[in-house]
Protein backbone atom coordinates (compact mmCIF):
# COMPACT_ATOMS: atom_id res chain seq x y z
CA MET A 1 0.00 0.00 0.00
CA GLU A 2 1.30 3.44 -0.91
CA ASN A 3 1.87 6.17 1.63
CA ASN A 4 -0.46 8.62 -0.14
CA PRO A 5 -1.95 11.47 1.95
CA VAL A 6 -4.78 11.97 -0.55
CA PRO A 7 -7.89 9.87 0.18
CA PRO A 8 -8.75 7.36 -2.58
CA SER A 9 -12.14 9.02 -3.22
CA PHE A 10 -10.35 12.06 -4.66
CA GLY A 11 -9.41 11.27 -8.25
CA GLU A 12 -6.31 12.83 -9.79
CA GLY A 13 -8.19 15.41 -11.85
CA SER A 14 -10.98 16.21 -9.41
CA PRO A 15 -11.35 19.61 -7.76
CA GLN A 16 -11.28 17.91 -4.36
CA HIS A 17 -7.86 16.46 -5.13
CA ALA A 18 -6.49 19.85 -6.15
CA TYR A 19 -7.92 21.50 -3.02
CA HIS A 20 -6.56 18.74 -0.78
CA GLN A 21 -3.10 19.12 -2.32
CA HIS A 22 -3.30 22.89 -1.80
CA VAL A 23 -4.24 22.46 1.88
CA LEU A 24 -1.41 19.95 2.36
CA GLN A 25 1.08 22.36 0.82
CA GLN A 26 -0.11 25.22 3.05
CA SER A 27 0.12 23.12 6.20
CA GLN A 28 3.68 22.11 5.31
CA ASP A 29 4.67 25.76 4.72
CA MET A 30 3.29 27.04 8.05
CA ALA A 31 5.59 27.94 10.93
CA PRO A 32 5.28 25.93 14.12
CA ILE A 33 2.93 27.24 16.79
CA VAL A 34 4.60 29.09 19.66
CA SER A 35 3.85 27.13 22.83
CA VAL A 36 2.47 28.60 26.05
CA LYS A 37 5.73 27.68 27.77
CA GLU A 38 7.73 29.66 25.22
CA TRP A 39 5.40 32.70 25.57
CA MET A 40 5.70 32.50 29.38
CA LEU A 41 9.51 32.56 29.11
CA THR A 42 9.32 35.44 26.64
CA MET A 43 7.08 37.45 28.97
CA LEU A 44 9.42 36.76 31.87
CA LEU A 45 12.32 38.16 29.84
CA MET A 46 10.26 41.24 28.95
CA ILE A 47 9.84 42.28 32.61
CA ILE A 48 13.61 42.42 33.27
CA PRO A 49 14.93 45.97 32.70
CA VAL A 50 17.55 46.45 29.96
CA VAL A 51 17.38 42.74 29.07
CA ASN A 52 13.93 43.36 27.62
CA ILE A 53 15.23 45.94 25.13
CA VAL A 54 18.09 43.71 24.00
CA MET A 55 15.83 40.67 23.71
CA MET A 56 13.25 42.60 21.68
CA PHE A 57 15.92 43.16 19.02
CA VAL A 58 17.08 39.53 19.25
CA PHE A 59 13.54 38.20 18.85
CA ALA A 60 12.70 40.68 16.08
CA PHE A 61 15.77 40.24 13.89
CA GLY A 62 17.22 36.88 14.91
CA GLU A 63 16.33 33.41 13.70
CA GLY A 64 13.08 32.06 15.06
CA ASN A 65 9.37 31.78 14.62
CA PRO A 66 8.04 34.28 12.03
CA SER A 67 5.02 35.11 14.21
CA LYS A 68 7.26 36.01 17.12
CA GLN A 69 9.53 38.04 14.83
CA ASN A 70 6.59 40.03 13.47
CA TYR A 71 5.22 40.64 16.98
CA PHE A 72 8.52 42.07 18.21
CA LYS A 73 9.06 44.13 15.05
CA ALA A 74 5.65 45.72 15.66
CA ALA A 75 6.51 46.22 19.34
CA LEU A 76 9.75 47.99 18.38
CA ILE A 77 7.88 50.26 15.97
CA TRP A 78 5.41 51.21 18.73
CA ALA A 79 8.31 51.80 21.14
CA ALA A 80 9.96 54.11 18.59
CA ILE A 81 6.71 56.04 18.09
CA LEU A 82 6.26 56.47 21.84
CA LEU A 83 9.89 57.51 22.31
CA ALA A 84 9.53 60.16 19.59
CA PHE A 85 6.30 61.41 21.21
CA TYR A 86 7.93 61.63 24.66
CA LEU A 87 10.93 63.46 23.21
CA LEU A 88 8.63 65.94 21.50
CA ILE A 89 6.79 66.58 24.79
CA VAL A 90 10.08 67.07 26.67
CA VAL A 91 11.41 69.49 24.04
CA LEU A 92 8.17 71.48 24.11
CA LEU A 93 8.14 71.62 27.93
CA PHE A 94 11.76 72.74 28.17
CA GLY A 95 11.19 75.21 25.37
CA THR A 96 8.33 76.84 27.22
CA LEU A 97 10.27 76.88 30.51
CA PHE A 98 13.25 78.69 29.02
CA THR A 99 11.30 81.16 26.90
CA THR A 100 9.03 82.51 29.63
CA THR A 101 10.29 85.50 31.57
CA ILE A 102 9.08 86.55 34.94
């Protein structure tokens, strides 16, 4: 007996066969699911000061799960946006403090 993943009811030219082959190809191309244990370890690393910043870059640009990489790339973009906003607020506050005369 052959080791054929396609059920025998799906003939070679049938639409079901083509769909089944497409689904098989997609499932083989998918990245593995990140386990709860791995997310727990990741969250633990994110609460340690300084280590969290370094690890965000490691997770975003290192080898690993594509879902985790995309998550940390998005987190770094949000962090950059917030940093720019805070810097703008600080510059505006210091600007108003030094320009006012009493």
